[in-house]
Each structure stands twice: as C-alpha cells, then as structure tokens.
Amino acid sequence: MIVFFCGLAASMAGPSYAMRSVSVGTAYLIWVGIGAAITVVYGMVVGEESVSLLKILYLIGMVACIAGLKLAN
C-alpha cells in the first residue's frame, strides 16, 4: 500500500513539475509515454511480455520521439 501511494505521489508530482516549462499537452504526452515504456519494460523483465528486437526498437523510437517533441517546444 505504501509503495502505491508513493508511486501515486511521484506520478502526480512529475507532470506538475514538467508543466512549469512545457505546455499541458506535451507534459501529458511525456507522462503517458514514460508510463507506457515502463509498463512494457516491466512486463518484459518479469516475463509477462515477450521480448523482441522490434519491440525494443519501437520503445527506443517512442522515447526518442517524445524527447524530440520536448526539444521542439
């Protein structure tokens, strides 16, 4: 339970901090993208998600696109 509430606080603090320097849409994209990437990587680590080179390349591409959008702001 404690881990959940710590994660919840961090999950809300991150976008709140990010919105100081980027627009709401970009902050939301970063928040969702990081959450999706972490979820897939966690699934791969615990064995619930299959690991393939293509998935890893797409994850890297997704993170690169999010970083590029932030840099374009």
PDB file of N, CA and C in Angstrom:
ATOM      1  N   MET A   1       0.811  -1.196   0.000  1.00  0.00           N
ATOM      2  CA  MET A   1       0.000   0.000   0.000  1.00  0.00           C
ATOM      3  C   MET A   1       0.854   1.260   0.000  1.00  0.00           C
ATOM      4  N   ILE A   2       1.919   1.230   0.785  1.00  0.00           N
ATOM      5  CA  ILE A   2       2.793   2.397   0.873  1.00  0.00           C
ATOM      6  C   ILE A   2       3.460   2.655  -0.470  1.00  0.00           C
ATOM      7  N   VAL A   3       3.887   1.582  -1.140  1.00  0.00           N
ATOM      8  CA  VAL A   3       4.529   1.728  -2.449  1.00  0.00           C
ATOM      9  C   VAL A   3       3.558   2.360  -3.442  1.00  0.00           C
ATOM     10  N   PHE A   4       2.300   1.941  -3.384  1.00  0.00           N
ATOM     11  CA  PHE A   4       1.283   2.504  -4.277  1.00  0.00           C
ATOM     12  C   PHE A   4       1.145   4.004  -4.075  1.00  0.00           C
ATOM     13  N   PHE A   5       1.021   4.436  -2.831  1.00  0.00           N
ATOM     14  CA  PHE A   5       0.817   5.856  -2.573  1.00  0.00           C
ATOM     15  C   PHE A   5       2.061   6.680  -2.876  1.00  0.00           C
ATOM     16  N   CYS A   6       3.239   6.114  -2.677  1.00  0.00           N
ATOM     17  CA  CYS A   6       4.472   6.808  -3.066  1.00  0.00           C
ATOM     18  C   CYS A   6       4.533   6.947  -4.585  1.00  0.00           C
ATOM     19  N   GLY A   7       4.176   5.886  -5.289  1.00  0.00           N
ATOM     20  CA  GLY A   7       4.134   5.935  -6.749  1.00  0.00           C
ATOM     21  C   GLY A   7       3.103   6.933  -7.243  1.00  0.00           C
ATOM     22  N   LEU A   8       1.953   6.966  -6.595  1.00  0.00           N
ATOM     23  CA  LEU A   8       0.902   7.916  -6.963  1.00  0.00           C
ATOM     24  C   LEU A   8       1.377   9.355  -6.782  1.00  0.00           C
ATOM     25  N   ALA A   9       2.038   9.623  -5.660  1.00  0.00           N
ATOM     26  CA  ALA A   9       2.550  10.979  -5.416  1.00  0.00           C
ATOM     27  C   ALA A   9       3.594  11.361  -6.458  1.00  0.00           C
ATOM     28  N   ALA A  10       4.500  10.442  -6.770  1.00  0.00           N
ATOM     29  CA  ALA A  10       5.531  10.721  -7.776  1.00  0.00           C
ATOM     30  C   ALA A  10       4.896  10.903  -9.153  1.00  0.00           C
ATOM     31  N   SER A  11       3.862  10.117  -9.428  1.00  0.00           N
ATOM     32  CA  SER A  11       3.179  10.188 -10.718  1.00  0.00           C
ATOM     33  C   SER A  11       2.499  11.539 -10.915  1.00  0.00           C
ATOM     34  N   MET A  12       2.025  12.129  -9.872  1.00  0.00           N
ATOM     35  CA  MET A  12       1.367  13.431  -9.977  1.00  0.00           C
ATOM     36  C   MET A  12       2.363  14.576  -9.873  1.00  0.00           C
ATOM     37  N   ALA A  13       3.450  14.380  -9.142  1.00  0.00           N
ATOM     38  CA  ALA A  13       4.449  15.439  -8.978  1.00  0.00           C
ATOM     39  C   ALA A  13       5.227  15.661 -10.270  1.00  0.00           C
ATOM     40  N   GLY A  14       5.491  14.588 -11.008  1.00  0.00           N
ATOM     41  CA  GLY A  14       6.259  14.700 -12.249  1.00  0.00           C
ATOM     42  C   GLY A  14       5.614  15.621 -13.271  1.00  0.00           C
ATOM     43  N   PRO A  15       4.350  15.345 -13.667  1.00  0.00           N
ATOM     44  CA  PRO A  15       3.708  16.244 -14.641  1.00  0.00           C
ATOM     45  C   PRO A  15       3.535  17.668 -14.100  1.00  0.00           C
ATOM     46  N   SER A  16       3.283  17.776 -12.811  1.00  0.00           N
ATOM     47  CA  SER A  16       3.124  19.101 -12.221  1.00  0.00           C
ATOM     48  C   SER A  16       4.410  19.912 -12.370  1.00  0.00           C
ATOM     49  N   TYR A  17       5.535  19.262 -12.129  1.00  0.00           N
ATOM     50  CA  TYR A  17       6.829  19.935 -12.279  1.00  0.00           C
ATOM     51  C   TYR A  17       7.109  20.239 -13.753  1.00  0.00           C
ATOM     52  N   ALA A  18       6.800  19.284 -14.622  1.00  0.00           N
ATOM     53  CA  ALA A  18       7.069  19.456 -16.054  1.00  0.00           C
ATOM     54  C   ALA A  18       6.256  20.597 -16.649  1.00  0.00           C
ATOM     55  N   MET A  19       5.040  20.817 -16.159  1.00  0.00           N
ATOM     56  CA  MET A  19       4.185  21.858 -16.728  1.00  0.00           C
ATOM     57  C   MET A  19       4.678  23.266 -16.422  1.00  0.00           C
ATOM     58  N   ARG A  20       5.724  23.373 -15.634  1.00  0.00           N
ATOM     59  CA  ARG A  20       6.314  24.696 -15.401  1.00  0.00           C
ATOM     60  C   ARG A  20       7.061  25.191 -16.631  1.00  0.00           C
ATOM     61  N   SER A  21       7.562  24.221 -17.441  1.00  0.00           N
ATOM     62  CA  SER A  21       8.385  24.632 -18.576  1.00  0.00           C
ATOM     63  C   SER A  21       7.858  24.172 -19.935  1.00  0.00           C
ATOM     64  N   VAL A  22       6.835  23.319 -19.959  1.00  0.00           N
ATOM     65  CA  VAL A  22       6.258  22.870 -21.228  1.00  0.00           C
ATOM     66  C   VAL A  22       4.743  23.003 -21.176  1.00  0.00           C
ATOM     67  N   SER A  23       4.125  22.893 -22.337  1.00  0.00           N
ATOM     68  CA  SER A  23       2.667  23.010 -22.392  1.00  0.00           C
ATOM     69  C   SER A  23       2.005  21.778 -21.774  1.00  0.00           C
ATOM     70  N   VAL A  24       0.737  21.899 -21.490  1.00  0.00           N
ATOM     71  CA  VAL A  24      -0.010  20.806 -20.873  1.00  0.00           C
ATOM     72  C   VAL A  24      -0.011  19.567 -21.763  1.00  0.00           C
ATOM     73  N   GLY A  25      -0.208  19.755 -23.073  1.00  0.00           N
ATOM     74  CA  GLY A  25      -0.242  18.630 -23.997  1.00  0.00           C
ATOM     75  C   GLY A  25       1.074  17.871 -24.036  1.00  0.00           C
ATOM     76  N   THR A  26       2.179  18.595 -24.075  1.00  0.00           N
ATOM     77  CA  THR A  26       3.491  17.958 -24.091  1.00  0.00           C
ATOM     78  C   THR A  26       3.763  17.250 -22.772  1.00  0.00           C
ATOM     79  N   ALA A  27       3.414  17.879 -21.659  1.00  0.00           N
ATOM     80  CA  ALA A  27       3.612  17.251 -20.352  1.00  0.00           C
ATOM     81  C   ALA A  27       2.804  15.959 -20.248  1.00  0.00           C
ATOM     82  N   TYR A  28       1.587  15.978 -20.758  1.00  0.00           N
ATOM     83  CA  TYR A  28       0.754  14.778 -20.715  1.00  0.00           C
ATOM     84  C   TYR A  28       1.348  13.674 -21.594  1.00  0.00           C
ATOM     85  N   LEU A  29       1.847  14.039 -22.769  1.00  0.00           N
ATOM     86  CA  LEU A  29       2.467  13.067 -23.651  1.00  0.00           C
ATOM     87  C   LEU A  29       3.683  12.430 -22.986  1.00  0.00           C
ATOM     88  N   ILE A  30       4.495  13.233 -22.342  1.00  0.00           N
ATOM     89  CA  ILE A  30       5.668  12.713 -21.641  1.00  0.00           C
ATOM     90  C   ILE A  30       5.235  11.756 -20.540  1.00  0.00           C
ATOM     91  N   TRP A  31       4.225  12.132 -19.778  1.00  0.00           N
ATOM     92  CA  TRP A  31       3.737  11.319 -18.666  1.00  0.00           C
ATOM     93  C   TRP A  31       3.214   9.969 -19.164  1.00  0.00           C
ATOM     94  N   VAL A  32       2.406   9.999 -20.197  1.00  0.00           N
ATOM     95  CA  VAL A  32       1.833   8.767 -20.749  1.00  0.00           C
ATOM     96  C   VAL A  32       2.916   7.916 -21.412  1.00  0.00           C
ATOM     97  N   GLY A  33       3.806   8.551 -22.159  1.00  0.00           N
ATOM     98  CA  GLY A  33       4.869   7.812 -22.841  1.00  0.00           C
ATOM     99  C   GLY A  33       5.804   7.110 -21.885  1.00  0.00           C
ATOM    100  N   ILE A  34       6.203   7.809 -20.829  1.00  0.00           N
ATOM    101  CA  ILE A  34       7.079   7.189 -19.836  1.00  0.00           C
ATOM    102  C   ILE A  34       6.346   6.044 -19.145  1.00  0.00           C
ATOM    103  N   GLY A  35       5.084   6.253 -18.813  1.00  0.00           N
ATOM    104  CA  GLY A  35       4.302   5.185 -18.172  1.00  0.00           C
ATOM    105  C   GLY A  35       4.165   3.961 -19.052  1.00  0.00           C
ATOM    106  N   ALA A  36       3.915   4.174 -20.333  1.00  0.00           N
ATOM    107  CA  ALA A  36       3.781   3.055 -21.268  1.00  0.00           C
ATOM    108  C   ALA A  36       5.099   2.319 -21.423  1.00  0.00           C
ATOM    109  N   ALA A  37       6.194   3.055 -21.559  1.00  0.00           N
ATOM    110  CA  ALA A  37       7.506   2.430 -21.718  1.00  0.00           C
ATOM    111  C   ALA A  37       7.884   1.627 -20.471  1.00  0.00           C
ATOM    112  N   ILE A  38       7.666   2.194 -19.308  1.00  0.00           N
ATOM    113  CA  ILE A  38       7.991   1.489 -18.058  1.00  0.00           C
ATOM    114  C   ILE A  38       7.132   0.237 -17.924  1.00  0.00           C
ATOM    115  N   THR A  39       5.870   0.320 -18.287  1.00  0.00           N
ATOM    116  CA  THR A  39       4.981  -0.837 -18.190  1.00  0.00           C
ATOM    117  C   THR A  39       5.447  -1.967 -19.096  1.00  0.00           C
ATOM    118  N   VAL A  40       5.826  -1.649 -20.326  1.00  0.00           N
ATOM    119  CA  VAL A  40       6.284  -2.683 -21.258  1.00  0.00           C
ATOM    120  C   VAL A  40       7.604  -3.288 -20.790  1.00  0.00           C
ATOM    121  N   VAL A  41       8.530  -2.446 -20.354  1.00  0.00           N
ATOM    122  CA  VAL A  41       9.824  -2.948 -19.879  1.00  0.00           C
ATOM    123  C   VAL A  41       9.622  -3.825 -18.650  1.00  0.00           C
ATOM    124  N   TYR A  42       8.769  -3.412 -17.739  1.00  0.00           N
ATOM    125  CA  TYR A  42       8.480  -4.234 -16.553  1.00  0.00           C
ATOM    126  C   TYR A  42       7.904  -5.585 -16.969  1.00  0.00           C
ATOM    127  N   GLY A  43       6.985  -5.570 -17.909  1.00  0.00           N
ATOM    128  CA  GLY A  43       6.410  -6.819 -18.404  1.00  0.00           C
ATOM    129  C   GLY A  43       7.462  -7.720 -19.017  1.00  0.00           C
ATOM    130  N   MET A  44       8.409  -7.145 -19.733  1.00  0.00           N
ATOM    131  CA  MET A  44       9.489  -7.936 -20.312  1.00  0.00           C
ATOM    132  C   MET A  44      10.387  -8.529 -19.228  1.00  0.00           C
ATOM    133  N   VAL A  45      10.676  -7.741 -18.204  1.00  0.00           N
ATOM    134  CA  VAL A  45      11.564  -8.194 -17.131  1.00  0.00           C
ATOM    135  C   VAL A  45      10.947  -9.342 -16.342  1.00  0.00           C
ATOM    136  N   VAL A  46       9.655  -9.258 -16.031  1.00  0.00           N
ATOM    137  CA  VAL A  46       9.018 -10.305 -15.234  1.00  0.00           C
ATOM    138  C   VAL A  46       8.517 -11.474 -16.069  1.00  0.00           C
ATOM    139  N   GLY A  47       8.621 -11.349 -17.397  1.00  0.00           N
ATOM    140  CA  GLY A  47       8.267 -12.461 -18.260  1.00  0.00           C
ATOM    141  C   GLY A  47       6.834 -12.488 -18.759  1.00  0.00           C
ATOM    142  N   GLU A  48       6.061 -11.472 -18.481  1.00  0.00           N
ATOM    143  CA  GLU A  48       4.671 -11.420 -18.942  1.00  0.00           C
ATOM    144  C   GLU A  48       4.557 -10.921 -20.375  1.00  0.00           C
ATOM    145  N   GLU A  49       5.583 -10.248 -20.837  1.00  0.00           N
ATOM    146  CA  GLU A  49       5.600  -9.665 -22.172  1.00  0.00           C
ATOM    147  C   GLU A  49       6.759 -10.303 -22.948  1.00  0.00           C
ATOM    148  N   SER A  50       6.505 -10.662 -24.182  1.00  0.00           N
ATOM    149  CA  SER A  50       7.587 -11.252 -24.975  1.00  0.00           C
ATOM    150  C   SER A  50       8.616 -10.179 -25.332  1.00  0.00           C
ATOM    151  N   VAL A  51       9.867 -10.608 -25.438  1.00  0.00           N
ATOM    152  CA  VAL A  51      10.953  -9.700 -25.766  1.00  0.00           C
ATOM    153  C   VAL A  51      11.359  -9.941 -27.216  1.00  0.00           C
ATOM    154  N   SER A  52      11.402  -8.879 -27.988  1.00  0.00           N
ATOM    155  CA  SER A  52      11.880  -8.992 -29.357  1.00  0.00           C
ATOM    156  C   SER A  52      12.652  -7.724 -29.707  1.00  0.00           C
ATOM    157  N   LEU A  53      13.526  -7.863 -30.675  1.00  0.00           N
ATOM    158  CA  LEU A  53      14.318  -6.725 -31.110  1.00  0.00           C
ATOM    159  C   LEU A  53      13.408  -5.616 -31.644  1.00  0.00           C
ATOM    160  N   LEU A  54      12.370  -5.984 -32.356  1.00  0.00           N
ATOM    161  CA  LEU A  54      11.455  -4.996 -32.913  1.00  0.00           C
ATOM    162  C   LEU A  54      10.757  -4.197 -31.810  1.00  0.00           C
ATOM    163  N   LYS A  55      10.314  -4.863 -30.742  1.00  0.00           N
ATOM    164  CA  LYS A  55       9.667  -4.148 -29.633  1.00  0.00           C
ATOM    165  C   LYS A  55      10.636  -3.182 -28.975  1.00  0.00           C
ATOM    166  N   ILE A  56      11.863  -3.626 -28.790  1.00  0.00           N
ATOM    167  CA  ILE A  56      12.860  -2.768 -28.157  1.00  0.00           C
ATOM    168  C   ILE A  56      13.146  -1.551 -29.038  1.00  0.00           C
ATOM    169  N   LEU A  57      13.259  -1.760 -30.345  1.00  0.00           N
ATOM    170  CA  LEU A  57      13.488  -0.645 -31.255  1.00  0.00           C
ATOM    171  C   LEU A  57      12.320   0.336 -31.251  1.00  0.00           C
ATOM    172  N   TYR A  58      11.096  -0.178 -31.207  1.00  0.00           N
ATOM    173  CA  TYR A  58       9.926   0.701 -31.149  1.00  0.00           C
ATOM    174  C   TYR A  58       9.879   1.497 -29.845  1.00  0.00           C
ATOM    175  N   LEU A  59      10.251   0.870 -28.753  1.00  0.00           N
ATOM    176  CA  LEU A  59      10.290   1.588 -27.472  1.00  0.00           C
ATOM    177  C   LEU A  59      11.327   2.702 -27.513  1.00  0.00           C
ATOM    178  N   ILE A  60      12.487   2.395 -28.057  1.00  0.00           N
ATOM    179  CA  ILE A  60      13.524   3.420 -28.191  1.00  0.00           C
ATOM    180  C   ILE A  60      13.030   4.545 -29.093  1.00  0.00           C
ATOM    181  N   GLY A  61      12.367   4.193 -30.182  1.00  0.00           N
ATOM    182  CA  GLY A  61      11.810   5.199 -31.082  1.00  0.00           C
ATOM    183  C   GLY A  61      10.761   6.062 -30.413  1.00  0.00           C
ATOM    184  N   MET A  62       9.911   5.442 -29.612  1.00  0.00           N
ATOM    185  CA  MET A  62       8.871   6.191 -28.911  1.00  0.00           C
ATOM    186  C   MET A  62       9.496   7.196 -27.944  1.00  0.00           C
ATOM    187  N   VAL A  63      10.460   6.750 -27.175  1.00  0.00           N
ATOM    188  CA  VAL A  63      11.125   7.643 -26.230  1.00  0.00           C
ATOM    189  C   VAL A  63      11.864   8.764 -26.979  1.00  0.00           C
ATOM    190  N   ALA A  64      12.494   8.423 -28.101  1.00  0.00           N
ATOM    191  CA  ALA A  64      13.195   9.440 -28.899  1.00  0.00           C
ATOM    192  C   ALA A  64      12.225  10.470 -29.451  1.00  0.00           C
ATOM    193  N   CYS A  65      11.058  10.038 -29.907  1.00  0.00           N
ATOM    194  CA  CYS A  65      10.046  10.965 -30.423  1.00  0.00           C
ATOM    195  C   CYS A  65       9.530  11.888 -29.333  1.00  0.00           C
ATOM    196  N   ILE A  66       9.326  11.354 -28.147  1.00  0.00           N
ATOM    197  CA  ILE A  66       8.866  12.182 -27.029  1.00  0.00           C
ATOM    198  C   ILE A  66       9.933  13.215 -26.666  1.00  0.00           C
ATOM    199  N   ALA A  67      11.193  12.774 -26.628  1.00  0.00           N
ATOM    200  CA  ALA A  67      12.287  13.704 -26.340  1.00  0.00           C
ATOM    201  C   ALA A  67      12.377  14.755 -27.433  1.00  0.00           C
ATOM    202  N   GLY A  68      12.195  14.359 -28.689  1.00  0.00           N
ATOM    203  CA  GLY A  68      12.228  15.320 -29.790  1.00  0.00           C
ATOM    204  C   GLY A  68      11.119  16.342 -29.695  1.00  0.00           C
ATOM    205  N   LEU A  69       9.934  15.921 -29.297  1.00  0.00           N
ATOM    206  CA  LEU A  69       8.828  16.859 -29.131  1.00  0.00           C
ATOM    207  C   LEU A  69       9.145  17.869 -28.028  1.00  0.00           C
ATOM    208  N   LYS A  70       9.758  17.396 -26.963  1.00  0.00           N
ATOM    209  CA  LYS A  70      10.138  18.288 -25.863  1.00  0.00           C
ATOM    210  C   LYS A  70      11.172  19.293 -26.362  1.00  0.00           C
ATOM    211  N   LEU A  71      12.138  18.833 -27.159  1.00  0.00           N
ATOM    212  CA  LEU A  71      13.174  19.738 -27.662  1.00  0.00           C
ATOM    213  C   LEU A  71      12.606  20.747 -28.656  1.00  0.00           C
ATOM    214  N   ALA A  72      11.541  20.375 -29.352  1.00  0.00           N
ATOM    215  CA  ALA A  72      10.920  21.279 -30.330  1.00  0.00           C
ATOM    216  C   ALA A  72      10.094  22.373 -29.668  1.00  0.00           C
ATOM    217  N   ASN A  73       9.797  22.219 -28.410  1.00  0.00           N
ATOM    218  CA  ASN A  73       8.989  23.204 -27.681  1.00  0.00           C
ATOM    219  C   ASN A  73       9.708  24.478 -27.461  1.00  0.00           C
TER     220      ASN A  73
END
